[in-house]
């Protein structure tokens, strides 16, 4: 039961972080991340440091989300808790 609660909390937090990080991504230079980032741009690739960090956060939260779903499937294959 404790494992179920831990996995469900991880699933919920990763889902929320993933939604928020996706909403913060900019689309052709006019997103919320550009409002926050201002003029902090990397000279090498032209993308902002905040965009790179948002990419990392999105990828990590997606991996945690998928692993938590697979863990739930392995723990409760029929979907019944009780």
Protein backbone atom coordinates (compact mmCIF):
# COMPACT_ATOMS: atom_id res chain seq x y z
CA UNK A 1 0.00 0.00 0.00
CA UNK A 2 2.87 2.38 0.80
CA UNK A 3 4.49 1.63 -2.57
CA UNK A 4 1.21 2.46 -4.29
CA UNK A 5 1.02 5.85 -2.59
CA UNK A 6 4.65 6.65 -3.45
CA UNK A 7 4.19 5.69 -7.10
CA UNK A 8 0.93 7.63 -7.39
CA UNK A 9 2.51 10.75 -5.87
CA UNK A 10 5.46 10.45 -8.29
CA UNK A 11 3.02 10.00 -11.18
CA UNK A 12 0.98 13.05 -10.19
CA UNK A 13 3.99 15.30 -9.61
CA UNK A 14 5.65 14.26 -12.85
CA UNK A 15 2.44 14.87 -14.77
CA UNK A 16 2.06 18.35 -13.30
CA UNK A 17 5.72 19.25 -13.90
CA UNK A 18 5.49 17.97 -17.45
CA UNK A 19 2.38 20.05 -18.22
CA UNK A 20 3.88 23.19 -16.72
CA UNK A 21 7.24 22.74 -18.44
CA UNK A 22 5.55 22.18 -21.80
CA UNK A 23 3.48 25.33 -21.33
CA UNK A 24 6.64 27.31 -20.57
CA UNK A 25 8.28 26.30 -23.85
CA UNK A 26 8.36 29.05 -26.42
CA UNK A 27 6.97 28.77 -29.89
CA UNK A 28 9.12 30.62 -32.44
CA UNK A 29 10.49 33.00 -29.81
CA UNK A 30 7.23 34.17 -28.30
CA UNK A 31 6.56 32.05 -25.26
CA UNK A 32 6.48 32.38 -21.53
CA UNK A 33 10.12 31.32 -21.33
CA UNK A 34 11.16 34.31 -23.42
CA UNK A 35 9.29 36.62 -21.09
CA UNK A 36 11.12 35.12 -18.12
CA UNK A 37 14.49 34.66 -19.81
CA UNK A 38 14.78 38.11 -21.28
CA UNK A 39 17.95 38.36 -23.31
CA UNK A 40 19.90 35.45 -21.74
CA UNK A 41 20.92 33.60 -24.90
CA UNK A 42 23.68 31.17 -25.61
CA UNK A 43 26.12 32.27 -28.29
CA UNK A 44 26.65 28.79 -29.70
CA UNK A 45 23.20 27.58 -30.68
CA UNK A 46 21.03 30.66 -30.35
CA UNK A 47 18.69 29.07 -27.82
CA UNK A 48 18.36 30.38 -24.33
CA UNK A 49 19.74 28.66 -21.28
CA UNK A 50 16.26 28.52 -19.83
CA UNK A 51 14.97 26.69 -22.93
CA UNK A 52 17.71 24.08 -22.54
CA UNK A 53 16.82 23.60 -18.89
CA UNK A 54 13.13 23.37 -19.77
CA UNK A 55 13.99 20.66 -22.28
CA UNK A 56 15.84 18.72 -19.59
CA UNK A 57 13.02 19.16 -17.07
CA UNK A 58 10.46 18.03 -19.63
CA UNK A 59 12.46 14.95 -20.59
CA UNK A 60 13.12 13.92 -16.97
CA UNK A 61 9.48 14.41 -15.97
CA UNK A 62 8.34 12.38 -19.00
CA UNK A 63 10.69 9.55 -18.06
CA UNK A 64 9.48 9.58 -14.44
CA UNK A 65 5.88 9.63 -15.70
CA UNK A 66 6.42 6.62 -17.97
CA UNK A 67 8.32 4.65 -15.33
CA UNK A 68 5.61 5.32 -12.74
CA UNK A 69 2.90 4.17 -15.16
CA UNK A 70 4.83 0.99 -15.94
CA UNK A 71 5.38 0.40 -12.23
CA UNK A 72 1.66 0.75 -11.58
CA UNK A 73 0.93 -1.73 -14.36
CA UNK A 74 3.37 -4.21 -12.87
CA UNK A 75 2.05 -3.79 -9.32
CA UNK A 76 -1.65 -3.91 -10.22
CA UNK A 77 -2.08 -5.63 -13.60
CA UNK A 78 -5.89 -5.88 -13.33
CA UNK A 79 -6.25 -2.33 -12.06
CA UNK A 80 -7.80 -3.40 -8.76
CA UNK A 81 -6.40 -2.09 -5.52
CA UNK A 82 -8.47 -3.98 -2.99
